[in-house]
């Protein structure tokens, strides 16, 4: 469920549905248009939000070491990742929560 000023474009609970409907290429294309490499975007919620009066894409990035490999967070034991934002350059396709 979206909160005021936040639109969910992708949620991991919808992963199977996106695959079944063949929508993964459209999601990846949209990420690329917004300057993101789909391989660096973790399977976590992706939202479009207003920050300081500007629209941004909020996502969780999978972190990589100097050689380009994903690595484990020594504290959690899980994959190392962090939340990031980038300016929204293009609205998501309608099926992913366009206004």
N, C-alpha and C. Protein backbone atom coordinates (compact mmCIF):
# COMPACT_ATOMS: atom_id res chain seq x y z
N UNK A 1 0.84 -1.17 0.00
CA UNK A 1 0.00 0.00 0.00
C UNK A 1 0.89 1.24 0.00
N UNK A 2 0.58 2.18 -0.87
CA UNK A 2 1.37 3.40 -0.97
C UNK A 2 1.02 4.38 0.15
N UNK A 3 2.00 5.14 0.57
CA UNK A 3 1.81 6.21 1.52
C UNK A 3 1.75 7.52 0.74
N UNK A 4 1.22 8.58 1.33
CA UNK A 4 1.17 9.85 0.61
C UNK A 4 2.57 10.27 0.14
N UNK A 5 2.68 10.61 -1.13
CA UNK A 5 3.97 11.04 -1.69
C UNK A 5 4.91 9.91 -2.03
N UNK A 6 4.49 8.65 -1.84
CA UNK A 6 5.35 7.49 -2.15
C UNK A 6 4.55 6.52 -3.01
N UNK A 7 5.09 6.20 -4.18
CA UNK A 7 4.46 5.20 -5.06
C UNK A 7 5.38 3.99 -5.16
N UNK A 8 4.85 2.83 -4.90
CA UNK A 8 5.64 1.62 -5.02
C UNK A 8 5.65 1.18 -6.48
N UNK A 9 6.85 1.05 -7.03
CA UNK A 9 7.02 0.59 -8.40
C UNK A 9 7.22 -0.92 -8.41
N UNK A 10 7.99 -1.40 -7.46
CA UNK A 10 8.26 -2.84 -7.36
C UNK A 10 8.28 -3.22 -5.89
N UNK A 11 7.72 -4.38 -5.59
CA UNK A 11 7.82 -4.94 -4.25
C UNK A 11 8.15 -6.42 -4.41
N UNK A 12 9.05 -6.96 -3.60
CA UNK A 12 9.43 -8.37 -3.75
C UNK A 12 8.27 -9.35 -3.72
N UNK A 13 7.19 -9.00 -3.04
CA UNK A 13 6.02 -9.88 -3.01
C UNK A 13 5.41 -10.05 -4.40
N UNK A 14 5.70 -9.12 -5.30
CA UNK A 14 5.16 -9.18 -6.67
C UNK A 14 6.12 -9.83 -7.66
N UNK A 15 7.27 -10.31 -7.18
CA UNK A 15 8.31 -10.84 -8.07
C UNK A 15 7.77 -11.94 -8.98
N UNK A 16 7.08 -12.91 -8.43
CA UNK A 16 6.55 -14.02 -9.24
C UNK A 16 5.58 -13.50 -10.29
N UNK A 17 4.74 -12.55 -9.92
CA UNK A 17 3.76 -11.98 -10.86
C UNK A 17 4.48 -11.28 -12.02
N UNK A 18 5.52 -10.52 -11.70
CA UNK A 18 6.28 -9.81 -12.74
C UNK A 18 6.89 -10.81 -13.72
N UNK A 19 7.44 -11.90 -13.19
CA UNK A 19 8.02 -12.93 -14.06
C UNK A 19 6.93 -13.59 -14.90
N UNK A 20 5.82 -13.95 -14.25
CA UNK A 20 4.75 -14.65 -14.95
C UNK A 20 4.14 -13.80 -16.07
N UNK A 21 4.05 -12.50 -15.87
CA UNK A 21 3.47 -11.62 -16.88
C UNK A 21 4.50 -11.13 -17.90
N UNK A 22 5.75 -11.55 -17.75
CA UNK A 22 6.78 -11.15 -18.70
C UNK A 22 7.15 -9.68 -18.60
N UNK A 23 7.00 -9.09 -17.40
CA UNK A 23 7.24 -7.66 -17.23
C UNK A 23 8.67 -7.31 -16.81
N UNK A 24 9.50 -8.30 -16.57
CA UNK A 24 10.86 -8.03 -16.12
C UNK A 24 11.64 -7.15 -17.10
N UNK A 25 11.58 -7.40 -18.42
CA UNK A 25 12.31 -6.51 -19.34
C UNK A 25 11.86 -5.04 -19.24
N UNK A 26 10.57 -4.81 -19.04
CA UNK A 26 10.08 -3.43 -18.91
C UNK A 26 10.62 -2.79 -17.64
N UNK A 27 10.67 -3.55 -16.55
CA UNK A 27 11.22 -3.03 -15.30
C UNK A 27 12.70 -2.70 -15.47
N UNK A 28 13.45 -3.59 -16.09
CA UNK A 28 14.88 -3.36 -16.32
C UNK A 28 15.10 -2.15 -17.23
N UNK A 29 14.29 -2.02 -18.28
CA UNK A 29 14.42 -0.86 -19.17
C UNK A 29 14.19 0.43 -18.40
N UNK A 30 13.16 0.45 -17.55
CA UNK A 30 12.87 1.65 -16.77
C UNK A 30 14.02 1.98 -15.82
N UNK A 31 14.61 0.97 -15.18
CA UNK A 31 15.75 1.22 -14.30
C UNK A 31 16.91 1.83 -15.09
N UNK A 32 17.18 1.29 -16.27
CA UNK A 32 18.28 1.82 -17.10
C UNK A 32 18.03 3.27 -17.50
N UNK A 33 16.80 3.59 -17.90
CA UNK A 33 16.46 4.97 -18.29
C UNK A 33 16.73 5.93 -17.13
N UNK A 34 16.58 5.43 -15.91
CA UNK A 34 16.82 6.25 -14.74
C UNK A 34 18.26 6.14 -14.22
N UNK A 35 19.14 5.60 -15.05
CA UNK A 35 20.57 5.56 -14.73
C UNK A 35 21.00 4.44 -13.82
N UNK A 36 20.18 3.42 -13.67
CA UNK A 36 20.51 2.30 -12.78
C UNK A 36 20.80 1.04 -13.57
N UNK A 37 21.77 0.28 -13.10
CA UNK A 37 22.07 -1.03 -13.67
C UNK A 37 21.19 -2.05 -12.93
N UNK A 38 20.29 -2.74 -13.62
CA UNK A 38 19.41 -3.70 -12.94
C UNK A 38 20.16 -4.74 -12.11
N UNK A 39 21.39 -5.07 -12.50
CA UNK A 39 22.17 -6.06 -11.74
C UNK A 39 22.61 -5.52 -10.38
N UNK A 40 22.59 -4.21 -10.21
CA UNK A 40 22.99 -3.61 -8.94
C UNK A 40 21.80 -3.29 -8.03
N UNK A 41 20.59 -3.51 -8.53
CA UNK A 41 19.39 -3.22 -7.75
C UNK A 41 18.92 -4.51 -7.09
N UNK A 42 18.88 -4.49 -5.77
CA UNK A 42 18.51 -5.68 -5.01
C UNK A 42 17.00 -5.91 -5.09
N UNK A 43 16.55 -7.13 -4.85
CA UNK A 43 15.12 -7.46 -4.82
C UNK A 43 14.53 -6.95 -3.51
N UNK A 44 14.33 -5.65 -3.46
CA UNK A 44 13.74 -4.96 -2.32
C UNK A 44 12.80 -3.91 -2.90
N UNK A 45 11.96 -3.32 -2.09
CA UNK A 45 11.03 -2.33 -2.65
C UNK A 45 11.75 -1.21 -3.42
N UNK A 46 11.14 -0.83 -4.54
CA UNK A 46 11.58 0.32 -5.33
C UNK A 46 10.41 1.28 -5.34
N UNK A 47 10.67 2.52 -4.93
CA UNK A 47 9.60 3.50 -4.86
C UNK A 47 9.99 4.79 -5.58
N UNK A 48 8.97 5.56 -5.92
CA UNK A 48 9.15 6.93 -6.41
C UNK A 48 8.61 7.82 -5.31
N UNK A 49 9.45 8.75 -4.86
CA UNK A 49 9.11 9.61 -3.73
C UNK A 49 9.44 11.06 -4.03
N UNK A 50 8.86 11.93 -3.25
CA UNK A 50 9.19 13.35 -3.30
C UNK A 50 10.19 13.64 -2.18
N UNK A 51 11.34 14.19 -2.55
CA UNK A 51 12.36 14.59 -1.58
C UNK A 51 12.78 16.02 -1.91
N UNK A 52 12.59 16.90 -0.98
CA UNK A 52 12.93 18.31 -1.17
C UNK A 52 12.31 18.87 -2.45
N UNK A 53 11.06 18.47 -2.70
CA UNK A 53 10.33 18.98 -3.85
C UNK A 53 10.69 18.35 -5.18
N UNK A 54 11.54 17.34 -5.17
CA UNK A 54 11.94 16.67 -6.41
C UNK A 54 11.61 15.19 -6.32
N UNK A 55 11.23 14.61 -7.46
CA UNK A 55 10.92 13.18 -7.50
C UNK A 55 12.21 12.38 -7.59
N UNK A 56 12.30 11.34 -6.78
CA UNK A 56 13.46 10.45 -6.78
C UNK A 56 13.01 9.01 -6.80
N UNK A 57 13.90 8.15 -7.25
CA UNK A 57 13.71 6.71 -7.18
C UNK A 57 14.50 6.23 -5.97
N UNK A 58 13.83 5.58 -5.03
CA UNK A 58 14.51 5.00 -3.87
C UNK A 58 14.58 3.50 -4.07
N UNK A 59 15.76 2.95 -3.91
CA UNK A 59 15.98 1.53 -4.14
C UNK A 59 17.07 1.03 -3.21
N UNK A 60 17.26 -0.27 -3.17
CA UNK A 60 18.33 -0.87 -2.38
C UNK A 60 19.39 -1.40 -3.33
N UNK A 61 20.61 -0.90 -3.14
CA UNK A 61 21.73 -1.30 -4.00
C UNK A 61 22.48 -2.46 -3.38
N UNK A 62 22.81 -3.43 -4.20
CA UNK A 62 23.70 -4.51 -3.78
C UNK A 62 25.12 -3.96 -3.87
N UNK A 63 25.87 -4.04 -2.78
CA UNK A 63 27.22 -3.49 -2.76
C UNK A 63 28.22 -4.48 -3.34
N UNK A 64 29.25 -3.93 -3.95
CA UNK A 64 30.28 -4.76 -4.58
C UNK A 64 31.66 -4.34 -4.07
N UNK A 65 32.59 -5.30 -4.08
CA UNK A 65 33.95 -4.99 -3.66
C UNK A 65 34.74 -4.39 -4.83
N UNK A 66 36.02 -4.13 -4.61
CA UNK A 66 36.86 -3.49 -5.63
C UNK A 66 36.95 -4.31 -6.92
N UNK A 67 36.76 -5.62 -6.84
CA UNK A 67 36.80 -6.48 -8.02
C UNK A 67 35.44 -6.60 -8.70
N UNK A 68 34.41 -5.99 -8.11
CA UNK A 68 33.08 -6.02 -8.71
C UNK A 68 32.18 -7.15 -8.23
N UNK A 69 32.60 -7.86 -7.19
CA UNK A 69 31.81 -8.96 -6.67
C UNK A 69 30.95 -8.51 -5.49
N UNK A 70 29.74 -9.05 -5.42
CA UNK A 70 28.91 -8.80 -4.25
C UNK A 70 29.58 -9.46 -3.06
N UNK A 71 29.35 -8.89 -1.90
CA UNK A 71 29.97 -9.46 -0.71
C UNK A 71 28.99 -9.46 0.46
N UNK A 72 29.35 -10.18 1.52
CA UNK A 72 28.51 -10.30 2.70
C UNK A 72 28.85 -9.19 3.69
N UNK A 73 27.82 -8.72 4.37
CA UNK A 73 27.99 -7.75 5.44
C UNK A 73 28.49 -8.53 6.66
N UNK A 74 29.66 -8.17 7.19
CA UNK A 74 30.19 -8.94 8.32
C UNK A 74 29.34 -8.84 9.59
N UNK A 75 28.54 -7.79 9.70
CA UNK A 75 27.70 -7.62 10.89
C UNK A 75 26.46 -8.50 10.81
N UNK A 76 25.77 -8.48 9.67
CA UNK A 76 24.51 -9.22 9.54
C UNK A 76 24.69 -10.62 8.99
N UNK A 77 25.78 -10.85 8.27
CA UNK A 77 25.99 -12.14 7.62
C UNK A 77 25.23 -12.25 6.31
N UNK A 78 24.39 -11.26 6.00
CA UNK A 78 23.63 -11.24 4.74
C UNK A 78 24.37 -10.45 3.68
N UNK A 79 23.77 -10.35 2.53
CA UNK A 79 24.36 -9.59 1.44
C UNK A 79 24.53 -8.13 1.86
N UNK A 80 25.66 -7.54 1.51
CA UNK A 80 25.90 -6.13 1.81
C UNK A 80 25.05 -5.30 0.86
N UNK A 81 24.29 -4.35 1.42
CA UNK A 81 23.43 -3.51 0.61
C UNK A 81 23.12 -2.23 1.35
N UNK A 82 22.68 -1.23 0.59
CA UNK A 82 22.31 0.04 1.20
C UNK A 82 21.23 0.71 0.37
N UNK A 83 20.40 1.50 1.05
CA UNK A 83 19.37 2.25 0.35
C UNK A 83 20.00 3.47 -0.29
N UNK A 84 19.54 3.75 -1.52
CA UNK A 84 20.03 4.91 -2.27
C UNK A 84 18.87 5.57 -2.99
N UNK A 85 19.12 6.79 -3.45
CA UNK A 85 18.15 7.48 -4.29
C UNK A 85 18.87 8.07 -5.49
N UNK A 86 18.13 8.16 -6.59
CA UNK A 86 18.59 8.85 -7.80
C UNK A 86 17.43 9.70 -8.29
N UNK A 87 17.73 10.78 -9.01
CA UNK A 87 16.63 11.60 -9.55
C UNK A 87 15.77 10.77 -10.50
N UNK A 88 14.47 10.99 -10.44
CA UNK A 88 13.55 10.33 -11.37
C UNK A 88 13.67 11.03 -12.72
N UNK A 89 14.12 10.31 -13.72
CA UNK A 89 14.28 10.86 -15.07
C UNK A 89 13.11 10.50 -15.97
N UNK A 90 12.47 9.37 -15.69
CA UNK A 90 11.32 8.91 -16.49
C UNK A 90 10.35 8.19 -15.57
N UNK A 91 9.07 8.47 -15.75
CA UNK A 91 8.04 7.80 -14.96
C UNK A 91 8.03 6.31 -15.27
N UNK A 92 7.67 5.49 -14.29
CA UNK A 92 7.59 4.06 -14.54
C UNK A 92 6.44 3.75 -15.49
N UNK A 93 6.52 2.61 -16.20
CA UNK A 93 5.41 2.19 -17.03
C UNK A 93 4.14 2.06 -16.19
N UNK A 94 3.01 2.20 -16.82
CA UNK A 94 1.72 2.17 -16.12
C UNK A 94 1.59 0.93 -15.23
N UNK A 95 2.01 -0.21 -15.72
CA UNK A 95 1.86 -1.44 -14.93
C UNK A 95 2.70 -1.44 -13.67
N UNK A 96 3.63 -0.48 -13.54
CA UNK A 96 4.48 -0.41 -12.35
C UNK A 96 4.19 0.82 -11.51
N UNK A 97 3.05 1.42 -11.66
CA UNK A 97 2.68 2.49 -10.75
C UNK A 97 2.86 3.90 -11.28
N UNK A 98 2.74 4.09 -12.58
CA UNK A 98 2.77 5.47 -13.11
C UNK A 98 1.58 6.21 -12.56
N UNK A 99 1.70 7.54 -12.44
CA UNK A 99 0.59 8.30 -11.87
C UNK A 99 -0.65 8.25 -12.73
